[in-house]
Every structure is written in structure tokens, then in C-alpha cells.
């Protein structure tokens, strides 16, 4: 990526583990200053330590980004600490799995709050600072589940589909002001959240049948696309949702 991220400041939500951790490390490796935002203080601190150990700049913010106060505090503290804000990666997520007729309203609401309302609030809190900097990049981590549904994941699918819609709406409204908004939609990924599925023979068979590449993705393969969408090299890309899924959504059956 060259020196695209030197002196740039990036917030990554849900950066204490999984995809978020890989994305935060990738930005740090490209010499961006990284804000590791997570609800878990211990995990966020561990990722900051990892970045500092590799010679990077980072600090942790513990915030519930599904609340207005949490989202604004995250953005404000970032600018207080680093003096600017250039990039926001809305990655924080939770999982709710249940048959639809057993779907609890509380689980539904929490899923929507974290994975759809959260990115909206974080964007609202961050964009004014990006406008001050003259440019901003927002990358929303959606999912192929927002494009093709999986069983027992109505709340998750609705939240991710909504996030793709939010991506397009923000891009259409704000791109003329130098705010670039895109999404990445991972497929089946080798993350801690999916460890149980990796050991499940049924999912192994699904992988062979449904994925043209015949394997799950690695977190760094998502991070690479996020870096591109956050860099000046993607300045003619706005309102797009990039599927990074091993070909899963390219076709079905034979």
C-alpha cells in the first residue's frame, strides 16, 4: 500500500479479537495510528500491546458503540489522543442463532443495536472529524448473510442487509463531500466465533459443496480488502459491497 496510511488515524470497532484484530494489525503494519475499540477492556489492551510491540501506534477505547454516548466518546477520545480521524471500520458484531419462531425480541433488538444502529452512530460521530480532515473513509463489515440468508439467523441477516443499505445511503449522500463509504461482505471465515463450525463435519461438507475455492477464508484476506477500501487507491469506489467469500455467492448448484 506504500505510504498511504502514514499519519492517518483509523478506528476499528470490535478490534479485540477475530476479524477486527486482524484489521487493526493490518492498519498498524501499514503505519496508521490505530484505535482499538472493544467492549472488552482486556482484549483491547492485548491488541494494543501487540501493535506497540511491532513498533506501531495504538490505544484502546472501551465503548458500547450501540449507544450514542459510547459512539461519540469513541470518536472524541480518538481526536483528543491523535489529533485527527481519517478512517472508521465498523466491524463490531454479535451472533444470534435461533429458529425464527423462537426468536426472542431482546436478542433481535441487541443484534440490530450492535450491528446496524452501532455503525450508524459511529458514522455520525466520526464524519464531522473526517470533514475537518478534508477526507474520510468508512468501511462497514457486512456479511454474505446480508445477501443470501442462512437458517436460524434472521436477526443477523436483517442487520447485515441493513448495513449494506446504510452503506449505499451514506455513500450517495456524502461522497461529494469527500466521505467514501463502502462495505466488505466476508463469507465463511476462520475466526474464533466460527471455531465450532470448523470442527463440524456438516459444515466441512458445506464448504466443499458451496465454495468454489473449497476452503474457508482467513482474517487477513478480509483485512487486505479493507485496507484497499480505506486507501486512496479506491477513490472511485463508493457505495459498493465487496464480497470476499471464496465464490460462495457467485452461483448455486450445477
C-alpha atoms as a PDB file:
ATOM      1  CA  UNK A   1       0.000   0.000   0.000  1.00  0.00           C
ATOM      2  CA  UNK A   2       3.036   2.297   0.036  1.00  0.00           C
ATOM      3  CA  UNK A   3       2.792   5.187   2.498  1.00  0.00           C
ATOM      4  CA  UNK A   4      -0.960   5.684   2.155  1.00  0.00           C
ATOM      5  CA  UNK A   5      -1.632   5.290   5.882  1.00  0.00           C
ATOM      6  CA  UNK A   6       1.302   7.132   7.409  1.00  0.00           C
ATOM      7  CA  UNK A   7      -0.009   9.904   9.708  1.00  0.00           C
ATOM      8  CA  UNK A   8      -3.553   8.577   9.245  1.00  0.00           C
ATOM      9  CA  UNK A   9      -5.743   7.581  12.187  1.00  0.00           C
ATOM     10  CA  UNK A  10      -8.061   4.573  11.968  1.00  0.00           C
ATOM     11  CA  UNK A  11     -10.736   3.378  14.386  1.00  0.00           C
ATOM     12  CA  UNK A  12     -11.584  -0.333  14.233  1.00  0.00           C
ATOM     13  CA  UNK A  13     -14.604  -1.407  16.307  1.00  0.00           C
ATOM     14  CA  UNK A  14     -14.726  -4.904  17.731  1.00  0.00           C
ATOM     15  CA  UNK A  15     -10.942  -4.954  17.350  1.00  0.00           C
ATOM     16  CA  UNK A  16     -10.242  -7.063  20.425  1.00  0.00           C
ATOM     17  CA  UNK A  17     -10.454 -10.373  18.547  1.00  0.00           C
ATOM     18  CA  UNK A  18     -11.225 -12.104  15.262  1.00  0.00           C
ATOM     19  CA  UNK A  19     -11.592 -10.054  12.094  1.00  0.00           C
ATOM     20  CA  UNK A  20     -11.314  -6.773  13.957  1.00  0.00           C
ATOM     21  CA  UNK A  21      -7.986  -7.741  15.474  1.00  0.00           C
ATOM     22  CA  UNK A  22      -6.603  -8.727  12.066  1.00  0.00           C
ATOM     23  CA  UNK A  23      -7.829  -5.458  10.540  1.00  0.00           C
ATOM     24  CA  UNK A  24      -6.291  -3.396  13.356  1.00  0.00           C
ATOM     25  CA  UNK A  25      -2.941  -5.184  12.984  1.00  0.00           C
ATOM     26  CA  UNK A  26      -3.027  -4.691   9.209  1.00  0.00           C
ATOM     27  CA  UNK A  27      -3.505  -0.926   9.598  1.00  0.00           C
ATOM     28  CA  UNK A  28      -0.718  -0.774  12.163  1.00  0.00           C
ATOM     29  CA  UNK A  29       1.552  -2.715   9.839  1.00  0.00           C
ATOM     30  CA  UNK A  30       0.880  -0.015   7.218  1.00  0.00           C
ATOM     31  CA  UNK A  31       1.916   2.655   9.771  1.00  0.00           C
ATOM     32  CA  UNK A  32      -1.514   4.023  10.601  1.00  0.00           C
ATOM     33  CA  UNK A  33      -2.260   5.024  14.184  1.00  0.00           C
ATOM     34  CA  UNK A  34      -4.974   2.627  15.342  1.00  0.00           C
ATOM     35  CA  UNK A  35      -7.745   2.987  17.884  1.00  0.00           C
ATOM     36  CA  UNK A  36      -8.664  -0.473  19.164  1.00  0.00           C
ATOM     37  CA  UNK A  37     -12.321  -0.151  20.178  1.00  0.00           C
ATOM     38  CA  UNK A  38     -13.999  -3.015  22.001  1.00  0.00           C
ATOM     39  CA  UNK A  39     -16.396  -3.672  24.867  1.00  0.00           C
ATOM     40  CA  UNK A  40     -13.800  -5.988  26.426  1.00  0.00           C
ATOM     41  CA  UNK A  41     -11.025  -3.929  28.036  1.00  0.00           C
ATOM     42  CA  UNK A  42      -8.644  -6.860  28.478  1.00  0.00           C
ATOM     43  CA  UNK A  43      -8.827  -7.960  24.847  1.00  0.00           C
ATOM     44  CA  UNK A  44      -8.488  -4.399  23.558  1.00  0.00           C
ATOM     45  CA  UNK A  45      -5.400  -3.828  25.723  1.00  0.00           C
ATOM     46  CA  UNK A  46      -3.825  -7.063  24.473  1.00  0.00           C
ATOM     47  CA  UNK A  47      -4.198  -5.964  20.839  1.00  0.00           C
ATOM     48  CA  UNK A  48      -2.731  -2.542  21.665  1.00  0.00           C
ATOM     49  CA  UNK A  49       0.245  -4.290  23.308  1.00  0.00           C
ATOM     50  CA  UNK A  50       0.686  -6.390  20.167  1.00  0.00           C
ATOM     51  CA  UNK A  51       0.697  -3.295  17.951  1.00  0.00           C
ATOM     52  CA  UNK A  52       3.109  -1.395  20.192  1.00  0.00           C
ATOM     53  CA  UNK A  53       5.415  -4.438  20.294  1.00  0.00           C
ATOM     54  CA  UNK A  54       5.658  -4.306  16.492  1.00  0.00           C
ATOM     55  CA  UNK A  55       6.581  -0.621  16.647  1.00  0.00           C
ATOM     56  CA  UNK A  56       3.133   0.787  15.885  1.00  0.00           C
ATOM     57  CA  UNK A  57       0.916   3.427  17.474  1.00  0.00           C
ATOM     58  CA  UNK A  58      -2.318   2.384  19.143  1.00  0.00           C
ATOM     59  CA  UNK A  59      -4.530   2.906  22.126  1.00  0.00           C
ATOM     60  CA  UNK A  60      -7.655   1.222  23.431  1.00  0.00           C
ATOM     61  CA  UNK A  61     -11.127   2.657  23.832  1.00  0.00           C
ATOM     62  CA  UNK A  62     -13.688   0.655  25.774  1.00  0.00           C
ATOM     63  CA  UNK A  63     -17.117   1.630  24.500  1.00  0.00           C
ATOM     64  CA  UNK A  64     -20.531   0.175  23.745  1.00  0.00           C
ATOM     65  CA  UNK A  65     -20.893   1.502  20.213  1.00  0.00           C
ATOM     66  CA  UNK A  66     -24.604   0.651  20.165  1.00  0.00           C
ATOM     67  CA  UNK A  67     -25.214   3.713  22.361  1.00  0.00           C
ATOM     68  CA  UNK A  68     -24.990   7.330  21.274  1.00  0.00           C
ATOM     69  CA  UNK A  69     -22.776   8.177  24.246  1.00  0.00           C
ATOM     70  CA  UNK A  70     -20.414   5.279  23.530  1.00  0.00           C
ATOM     71  CA  UNK A  71     -20.043   6.084  19.832  1.00  0.00           C
ATOM     72  CA  UNK A  72     -19.422   9.793  20.401  1.00  0.00           C
ATOM     73  CA  UNK A  73     -16.994   9.168  23.240  1.00  0.00           C
ATOM     74  CA  UNK A  74     -15.010   6.817  20.985  1.00  0.00           C
ATOM     75  CA  UNK A  75     -14.669   9.439  18.243  1.00  0.00           C
ATOM     76  CA  UNK A  76     -13.981  12.301  20.659  1.00  0.00           C
ATOM     77  CA  UNK A  77     -11.282  10.411  22.577  1.00  0.00           C
ATOM     78  CA  UNK A  78      -9.648   9.403  19.290  1.00  0.00           C
ATOM     79  CA  UNK A  79      -9.271  13.022  18.185  1.00  0.00           C
ATOM     80  CA  UNK A  80      -8.205  14.116  21.675  1.00  0.00           C
ATOM     81  CA  UNK A  81      -5.447  11.492  21.592  1.00  0.00           C
ATOM     82  CA  UNK A  82      -4.258  11.544  17.966  1.00  0.00           C
ATOM     83  CA  UNK A  83      -5.498  14.959  16.768  1.00  0.00           C
ATOM     84  CA  UNK A  84      -7.490  13.687  13.805  1.00  0.00           C
ATOM     85  CA  UNK A  85      -9.698  10.890  12.458  1.00  0.00           C
ATOM     86  CA  UNK A  86      -9.417   9.575   8.895  1.00  0.00           C
ATOM     87  CA  UNK A  87     -10.777   6.018   8.791  1.00  0.00           C
ATOM     88  CA  UNK A  88     -13.613   4.171  10.522  1.00  0.00           C
ATOM     89  CA  UNK A  89     -14.066   0.416  10.229  1.00  0.00           C
ATOM     90  CA  UNK A  90     -17.455  -0.656  11.605  1.00  0.00           C
ATOM     91  CA  UNK A  91     -16.672  -4.262  12.465  1.00  0.00           C
ATOM     92  CA  UNK A  92     -18.194  -4.908  15.912  1.00  0.00           C
ATOM     93  CA  UNK A  93     -20.703  -7.720  15.850  1.00  0.00           C
ATOM     94  CA  UNK A  94     -22.542 -10.351  17.845  1.00  0.00           C
ATOM     95  CA  UNK A  95     -24.302 -13.524  16.812  1.00  0.00           C
ATOM     96  CA  UNK A  96     -27.873 -14.575  17.470  1.00  0.00           C
ATOM     97  CA  UNK A  97     -28.827 -18.079  16.326  1.00  0.00           C
ATOM     98  CA  UNK A  98     -32.316 -19.453  16.840  1.00  0.00           C
ATOM     99  CA  UNK A  99     -35.276 -20.725  14.821  1.00  0.00           C
ATOM    100  CA  UNK A 100     -37.310 -17.729  13.736  1.00  0.00           C
ATOM    101  CA  UNK A 101     -40.416 -18.710  15.695  1.00  0.00           C
ATOM    102  CA  UNK A 102     -38.258 -18.907  18.833  1.00  0.00           C
ATOM    103  CA  UNK A 103     -36.569 -15.556  18.151  1.00  0.00           C
ATOM    104  CA  UNK A 104     -36.514 -13.525  21.353  1.00  0.00           C
ATOM    105  CA  UNK A 105     -37.228  -9.837  20.903  1.00  0.00           C
ATOM    106  CA  UNK A 106     -34.359  -8.966  23.256  1.00  0.00           C
ATOM    107  CA  UNK A 107     -31.854 -10.908  21.123  1.00  0.00           C
ATOM    108  CA  UNK A 108     -33.279  -9.412  17.934  1.00  0.00           C
ATOM    109  CA  UNK A 109     -33.027  -5.876  19.330  1.00  0.00           C
ATOM    110  CA  UNK A 110     -29.484  -6.326  20.660  1.00  0.00           C
ATOM    111  CA  UNK A 111     -28.329  -7.689  17.286  1.00  0.00           C
ATOM    112  CA  UNK A 112     -29.830  -4.721  15.435  1.00  0.00           C
ATOM    113  CA  UNK A 113     -28.460  -2.289  18.044  1.00  0.00           C
ATOM    114  CA  UNK A 114     -24.866  -3.525  17.751  1.00  0.00           C
ATOM    115  CA  UNK A 115     -24.633  -4.334  14.046  1.00  0.00           C
ATOM    116  CA  UNK A 116     -26.842  -1.691  12.407  1.00  0.00           C
ATOM    117  CA  UNK A 117     -27.564   1.138  14.828  1.00  0.00           C
ATOM    118  CA  UNK A 118     -23.950   0.975  16.053  1.00  0.00           C
ATOM    119  CA  UNK A 119     -22.401   1.663  12.632  1.00  0.00           C
ATOM    120  CA  UNK A 120     -24.914   4.476  12.100  1.00  0.00           C
ATOM    121  CA  UNK A 121     -23.984   6.101  15.422  1.00  0.00           C
ATOM    122  CA  UNK A 122     -20.238   5.604  14.913  1.00  0.00           C
ATOM    123  CA  UNK A 123     -20.500   7.146  11.444  1.00  0.00           C
ATOM    124  CA  UNK A 124     -22.479  10.123  12.760  1.00  0.00           C
ATOM    125  CA  UNK A 125     -19.878  10.666  15.479  1.00  0.00           C
ATOM    126  CA  UNK A 126     -16.868  10.272  13.158  1.00  0.00           C
ATOM    127  CA  UNK A 127     -17.859  12.065   9.953  1.00  0.00           C
ATOM    128  CA  UNK A 128     -17.633  15.626  11.359  1.00  0.00           C
ATOM    129  CA  UNK A 129     -13.983  14.967  12.258  1.00  0.00           C
ATOM    130  CA  UNK A 130     -13.359  13.464   8.816  1.00  0.00           C
ATOM    131  CA  UNK A 131     -14.810  16.587   7.215  1.00  0.00           C
ATOM    132  CA  UNK A 132     -12.363  18.647   9.283  1.00  0.00           C
ATOM    133  CA  UNK A 133      -9.533  16.486   7.916  1.00  0.00           C
ATOM    134  CA  UNK A 134     -10.839  17.062   4.373  1.00  0.00           C
ATOM    135  CA  UNK A 135     -11.498  13.400   3.610  1.00  0.00           C
ATOM    136  CA  UNK A 136     -12.722  10.226   5.264  1.00  0.00           C
ATOM    137  CA  UNK A 137     -13.062   6.533   4.597  1.00  0.00           C
ATOM    138  CA  UNK A 138     -15.693   4.316   6.204  1.00  0.00           C
ATOM    139  CA  UNK A 139     -15.631   0.562   5.691  1.00  0.00           C
ATOM    140  CA  UNK A 140     -18.581  -1.434   7.027  1.00  0.00           C
ATOM    141  CA  UNK A 141     -18.007  -5.127   7.691  1.00  0.00           C
ATOM    142  CA  UNK A 142     -21.197  -6.719   6.399  1.00  0.00           C
ATOM    143  CA  UNK A 143     -21.590 -10.427   5.530  1.00  0.00           C
ATOM    144  CA  UNK A 144     -22.719 -12.686   2.741  1.00  0.00           C
ATOM    145  CA  UNK A 145     -25.560 -13.445   5.173  1.00  0.00           C
ATOM    146  CA  UNK A 146     -26.882  -9.994   4.317  1.00  0.00           C
ATOM    147  CA  UNK A 147     -27.071 -11.125   0.668  1.00  0.00           C
ATOM    148  CA  UNK A 148     -28.046 -14.790   0.921  1.00  0.00           C
ATOM    149  CA  UNK A 149     -29.691 -15.909   4.153  1.00  0.00           C
ATOM    150  CA  UNK A 150     -28.588 -18.745   6.390  1.00  0.00           C
ATOM    151  CA  UNK A 151     -31.055 -20.675   8.513  1.00  0.00           C
ATOM    152  CA  UNK A 152     -31.738 -19.621  12.124  1.00  0.00           C
ATOM    153  CA  UNK A 153     -30.087 -16.234  11.608  1.00  0.00           C
ATOM    154  CA  UNK A 154     -32.971 -13.871  10.862  1.00  0.00           C
ATOM    155  CA  UNK A 155     -31.683 -11.104  13.143  1.00  0.00           C
ATOM    156  CA  UNK A 156     -28.120 -11.376  11.862  1.00  0.00           C
ATOM    157  CA  UNK A 157     -29.239 -11.428   8.219  1.00  0.00           C
ATOM    158  CA  UNK A 158     -31.545  -8.442   8.719  1.00  0.00           C
ATOM    159  CA  UNK A 159     -28.820  -6.422  10.451  1.00  0.00           C
ATOM    160  CA  UNK A 160     -26.212  -7.172   7.782  1.00  0.00           C
ATOM    161  CA  UNK A 161     -28.621  -6.478   4.907  1.00  0.00           C
ATOM    162  CA  UNK A 162     -29.487  -3.207   6.618  1.00  0.00           C
ATOM    163  CA  UNK A 163     -25.791  -2.372   6.934  1.00  0.00           C
ATOM    164  CA  UNK A 164     -25.344  -2.823   3.179  1.00  0.00           C
ATOM    165  CA  UNK A 165     -28.288  -0.472   2.639  1.00  0.00           C
ATOM    166  CA  UNK A 166     -26.807   2.052   5.074  1.00  0.00           C
ATOM    167  CA  UNK A 167     -23.504   1.868   3.183  1.00  0.00           C
ATOM    168  CA  UNK A 168     -25.199   2.835  -0.071  1.00  0.00           C
ATOM    169  CA  UNK A 169     -27.239   5.611   1.535  1.00  0.00           C
ATOM    170  CA  UNK A 170     -24.235   7.244   3.209  1.00  0.00           C
ATOM    171  CA  UNK A 171     -22.128   6.949   0.064  1.00  0.00           C
ATOM    172  CA  UNK A 172     -24.823   8.539  -2.075  1.00  0.00           C
ATOM    173  CA  UNK A 173     -25.317  11.415   0.353  1.00  0.00           C
ATOM    174  CA  UNK A 174     -21.744  12.108   1.430  1.00  0.00           C
ATOM    175  CA  UNK A 175     -19.296  11.082  -1.306  1.00  0.00           C
ATOM    176  CA  UNK A 176     -19.404  14.559  -2.854  1.00  0.00           C
ATOM    177  CA  UNK A 177     -18.034  15.866   0.456  1.00  0.00           C
ATOM    178  CA  UNK A 178     -15.051  13.520   0.373  1.00  0.00           C
ATOM    179  CA  UNK A 179     -16.544  10.842   2.611  1.00  0.00           C
ATOM    180  CA  UNK A 180     -16.116   7.436   0.957  1.00  0.00           C
ATOM    181  CA  UNK A 181     -18.332   4.657   2.308  1.00  0.00           C
ATOM    182  CA  UNK A 182     -18.063   1.016   1.248  1.00  0.00           C
ATOM    183  CA  UNK A 183     -18.718  -2.421   2.687  1.00  0.00           C
ATOM    184  CA  UNK A 184     -16.982  -5.761   2.641  1.00  0.00           C
ATOM    185  CA  UNK A 185     -19.035  -8.953   2.914  1.00  0.00           C
ATOM    186  CA  UNK A 186     -16.991 -11.868   4.255  1.00  0.00           C
ATOM    187  CA  UNK A 187     -18.034 -15.434   3.635  1.00  0.00           C
ATOM    188  CA  UNK A 188     -17.099 -18.368   5.871  1.00  0.00           C
ATOM    189  CA  UNK A 189     -14.067 -17.205   7.846  1.00  0.00           C
ATOM    190  CA  UNK A 190     -11.593 -18.910  10.167  1.00  0.00           C
ATOM    191  CA  UNK A 191     -12.301 -16.783  13.242  1.00  0.00           C
ATOM    192  CA  UNK A 192     -12.775 -17.637  16.950  1.00  0.00           C
ATOM    193  CA  UNK A 193     -16.531 -17.126  16.515  1.00  0.00           C
ATOM    194  CA  UNK A 194     -16.557 -19.971  13.975  1.00  0.00           C
ATOM    195  CA  UNK A 195     -14.289 -22.494  15.714  1.00  0.00           C
ATOM    196  CA  UNK A 196     -17.146 -24.890  16.456  1.00  0.00           C
ATOM    197  CA  UNK A 197     -18.260 -24.884  12.814  1.00  0.00           C
ATOM    198  CA  UNK A 198     -14.758 -25.647  11.589  1.00  0.00           C
ATOM    199  CA  UNK A 199     -14.894 -28.895  13.576  1.00  0.00           C
ATOM    200  CA  UNK A 200     -18.381 -29.798  12.322  1.00  0.00           C
ATOM    201  CA  UNK A 201     -18.381 -32.422   9.514  1.00  0.00           C
ATOM    202  CA  UNK A 202     -21.669 -30.999   8.179  1.00  0.00           C
ATOM    203  CA  UNK A 203     -20.047 -27.593   7.693  1.00  0.00           C
ATOM    204  CA  UNK A 204     -16.952 -29.191   6.183  1.00  0.00           C
ATOM    205  CA  UNK A 205     -19.194 -30.804   3.591  1.00  0.00           C
ATOM    206  CA  UNK A 206     -20.998 -27.496   3.025  1.00  0.00           C
ATOM    207  CA  UNK A 207     -17.643 -25.848   2.349  1.00  0.00           C
ATOM    208  CA  UNK A 208     -16.744 -28.406  -0.303  1.00  0.00           C
ATOM    209  CA  UNK A 209     -20.157 -28.159  -1.942  1.00  0.00           C
ATOM    210  CA  UNK A 210     -20.828 -24.413  -1.810  1.00  0.00           C
ATOM    211  CA  UNK A 211     -17.431 -22.731  -2.080  1.00  0.00           C
ATOM    212  CA  UNK A 212     -15.703 -22.863  -5.474  1.00  0.00           C
ATOM    213  CA  UNK A 213     -12.366 -22.342  -3.705  1.00  0.00           C
ATOM    214  CA  UNK A 214     -13.135 -25.245  -1.387  1.00  0.00           C
ATOM    215  CA  UNK A 215     -11.861 -23.597   1.787  1.00  0.00           C
ATOM    216  CA  UNK A 216     -12.742 -21.022   4.428  1.00  0.00           C
ATOM    217  CA  UNK A 217     -11.252 -17.547   4.311  1.00  0.00           C
ATOM    218  CA  UNK A 218      -8.530 -16.241   6.608  1.00  0.00           C
ATOM    219  CA  UNK A 219      -8.993 -12.977   8.551  1.00  0.00           C
ATOM    220  CA  UNK A 220      -6.042 -11.340   6.799  1.00  0.00           C
ATOM    221  CA  UNK A 221      -7.811 -11.875   3.465  1.00  0.00           C
ATOM    222  CA  UNK A 222     -10.602  -9.602   4.683  1.00  0.00           C
ATOM    223  CA  UNK A 223      -8.102  -7.141   6.154  1.00  0.00           C
ATOM    224  CA  UNK A 224      -6.398  -6.793   2.756  1.00  0.00           C
ATOM    225  CA  UNK A 225      -9.656  -5.694   1.124  1.00  0.00           C
ATOM    226  CA  UNK A 226     -10.459  -3.330   3.996  1.00  0.00           C
ATOM    227  CA  UNK A 227      -7.039  -1.709   3.540  1.00  0.00           C
ATOM    228  CA  UNK A 228      -7.737  -1.179  -0.152  1.00  0.00           C
ATOM    229  CA  UNK A 229     -11.164   0.338   0.508  1.00  0.00           C
ATOM    230  CA  UNK A 230      -9.614   2.657   3.119  1.00  0.00           C
ATOM    231  CA  UNK A 231      -6.783   3.768   0.828  1.00  0.00           C
ATOM    232  CA  UNK A 232      -6.643   6.459  -1.895  1.00  0.00           C
ATOM    233  CA  UNK A 233      -6.360   3.645  -4.443  1.00  0.00           C
ATOM    234  CA  UNK A 234     -10.110   3.052  -4.068  1.00  0.00           C
ATOM    235  CA  UNK A 235     -11.188   6.677  -4.523  1.00  0.00           C
ATOM    236  CA  UNK A 236     -13.539   5.835  -7.403  1.00  0.00           C
ATOM    237  CA  UNK A 237     -15.225   3.128  -5.317  1.00  0.00           C
ATOM    238  CA  UNK A 238     -18.173   4.343  -3.271  1.00  0.00           C
ATOM    239  CA  UNK A 239     -21.360   2.675  -2.106  1.00  0.00           C
ATOM    240  CA  UNK A 240     -20.018  -0.749  -3.081  1.00  0.00           C
ATOM    241  CA  UNK A 241     -20.282  -4.032  -1.217  1.00  0.00           C
ATOM    242  CA  UNK A 242     -17.307  -6.284  -1.968  1.00  0.00           C
ATOM    243  CA  UNK A 243     -17.983  -9.971  -1.411  1.00  0.00           C
ATOM    244  CA  UNK A 244     -14.880 -11.783  -0.151  1.00  0.00           C
ATOM    245  CA  UNK A 245     -16.321 -15.251   0.072  1.00  0.00           C
ATOM    246  CA  UNK A 246     -14.373 -17.773  -1.973  1.00  0.00           C
ATOM    247  CA  UNK A 247     -17.001 -17.548  -4.692  1.00  0.00           C
ATOM    248  CA  UNK A 248     -19.889 -18.578  -2.433  1.00  0.00           C
ATOM    249  CA  UNK A 249     -22.361 -16.020  -3.834  1.00  0.00           C
ATOM    250  CA  UNK A 250     -21.213 -16.412  -7.455  1.00  0.00           C
ATOM    251  CA  UNK A 251     -23.617 -19.269  -8.160  1.00  0.00           C
ATOM    252  CA  UNK A 252     -25.582 -22.176  -6.775  1.00  0.00           C
ATOM    253  CA  UNK A 253     -25.783 -25.795  -7.721  1.00  0.00           C
ATOM    254  CA  UNK A 254     -24.692 -27.155 -11.047  1.00  0.00           C
END
